[in-house]
C-alpha cells in the first residue's frame, strides 16, 4: 500500500526491472572511472554481497566508506 496509494509503484519497482533489463550490477568498463564524489555505507546484513573497498576505489572517486555493524535491506527500520 505504501507504493500503491501515492502512485509510486513504477518508481519503486524500477530497480528490479532495470537490473534485469541492463544485466544486473555492473560497474564501468575497465579503464573508465566515475569522478563524481561518492560515499558508501555498507550494511553487512544485506541480501547481496558488496564489492571490496579496493575495487570501489579503483572505479569511483570514493570519499566516504562506512561499514555498519547492524542493519540490512531496510536499514532505517
Protein backbone atom coordinates (compact mmCIF):
# COMPACT_ATOMS: atom_id res chain seq x y z
CA UNK A 1 0.00 0.00 0.00
CA UNK A 2 2.90 2.36 0.68
CA UNK A 3 3.80 2.44 -3.01
CA UNK A 4 0.32 1.80 -4.45
CA UNK A 5 -1.70 4.59 -2.82
CA UNK A 6 0.62 7.51 -3.74
CA UNK A 7 1.01 6.00 -7.25
CA UNK A 8 4.75 5.37 -6.92
CA UNK A 9 4.77 1.67 -7.77
CA UNK A 10 6.55 2.20 -11.10
CA UNK A 11 9.32 4.23 -9.49
CA UNK A 12 9.74 1.81 -6.59
CA UNK A 13 9.90 -1.26 -8.81
CA UNK A 14 12.18 0.21 -11.50
CA UNK A 15 15.33 -1.01 -9.74
CA UNK A 16 14.25 -4.62 -10.22
CA UNK A 17 13.17 -4.16 -13.83
CA UNK A 18 16.26 -2.09 -14.65
CA UNK A 19 18.63 -4.69 -13.22
CA UNK A 20 17.01 -7.43 -15.28
CA UNK A 21 16.99 -5.30 -18.44
CA UNK A 22 20.55 -3.98 -18.05
CA UNK A 23 22.11 -7.21 -16.82
CA UNK A 24 22.47 -6.76 -13.07
CA UNK A 25 25.03 -4.86 -11.04
CA UNK A 26 27.76 -3.98 -13.48
CA UNK A 27 30.32 -1.29 -12.94
CA UNK A 28 32.03 0.88 -15.51
CA UNK A 29 34.15 -0.83 -18.09
CA UNK A 30 37.86 -1.22 -17.45
CA UNK A 31 39.82 2.00 -17.85
CA UNK A 32 36.90 4.34 -17.06
CA UNK A 33 36.39 5.98 -13.68
CA UNK A 34 33.48 7.98 -12.28
CA UNK A 35 34.91 11.20 -10.85
CA UNK A 36 31.75 12.25 -9.01
CA UNK A 37 32.43 12.25 -5.24
CA UNK A 38 30.99 9.00 -3.91
CA UNK A 39 30.01 7.80 -0.44
CA UNK A 40 29.21 4.20 0.54
CA UNK A 41 27.54 2.91 3.65
CA UNK A 42 27.76 -0.86 3.62
CA UNK A 43 25.29 -2.89 5.65
CA UNK A 44 26.86 -6.26 6.31
CA UNK A 45 23.47 -7.99 6.69
CA UNK A 46 22.41 -7.01 3.15
CA UNK A 47 20.82 -9.61 0.87
CA UNK A 48 23.68 -9.42 -1.67
CA UNK A 49 27.38 -9.05 -1.02
CA UNK A 50 29.11 -5.81 -1.99
CA UNK A 51 32.46 -5.50 -3.75
CA UNK A 52 35.55 -4.84 -1.63
CA UNK A 53 36.54 -1.25 -0.89
CA UNK A 54 39.67 -1.54 -3.06
CA UNK A 55 37.52 -2.32 -6.10
CA UNK A 56 35.16 0.59 -5.45
CA UNK A 57 38.11 2.99 -5.02
CA UNK A 58 39.51 1.93 -8.38
CA UNK A 59 36.26 2.75 -10.21
CA UNK A 60 34.79 5.63 -8.19
CA UNK A 61 36.09 8.78 -6.53
CA UNK A 62 35.43 7.33 -3.07
CA UNK A 63 35.29 9.99 -0.35
CA UNK A 64 33.50 8.11 2.39
CA UNK A 65 33.26 4.39 3.29
CA UNK A 66 31.40 3.16 6.36
CA UNK A 67 30.62 -0.44 7.31
CA UNK A 68 27.68 -0.67 9.68
CA UNK A 69 27.62 -3.39 12.32
CA UNK A 70 23.84 -3.81 12.16
CA UNK A 71 21.14 -3.34 9.61
CA UNK A 72 20.38 -4.65 6.18
CA UNK A 73 17.95 -4.15 3.33
CA UNK A 74 15.65 -1.86 5.34
CA UNK A 75 18.39 -0.22 7.39
CA UNK A 76 16.30 2.73 8.55
CA UNK A 77 13.97 0.39 10.40
